[in-house]
Amino acid sequence: MCKNECPSCRVIGVEPAAADDATRSFRDGVLRTVRNPVTIADGARTPYLGRYAFALVCAHADEMMTVREDEIETTMGLMMERLRVVVEPTGALAMAGAIALARSGRAGLRGARVGVVISGGNVDLSGA
């Protein structure tokens, strides 16, 4: 479902705190960059959104937030243990954000329907 089909649906983007260019760009309304971010979420290690992606985020996201590295790692482990789903760090960002929001006791989340996009199973389980 997209925002056009359900305007009351809130869309929250999530990225690693160490690679927060999208969150800063969204809040400032100006395309921001980050230089060589150190994060386990390698798919989010880009220096900036790019003008087209930035325009899409501005048009369709209601909010952006960040999660810490330990939250990403914990979420990956939780998803493997509880859901039996192997997901790469970047793909676990949305779930890490949802868990962080739930733990914060944020108003309006309790009892709400929450959809989380989970993607990517490219994980090296050997620890190398």
Foldseek 3Di string as FASTA:
>chain_A
DACVVPVVDAAEAEEAPQLCQLQVCLVVVHWAFHPQGDAQQVVSRHGTCDPVSSVVCNVGHPHYYYDYRVLLVVQQVCCCVPVVDQAGSNQSGQVSVLVVCVVVVDPPPPPDDDDGGGDHRPDDPVPD
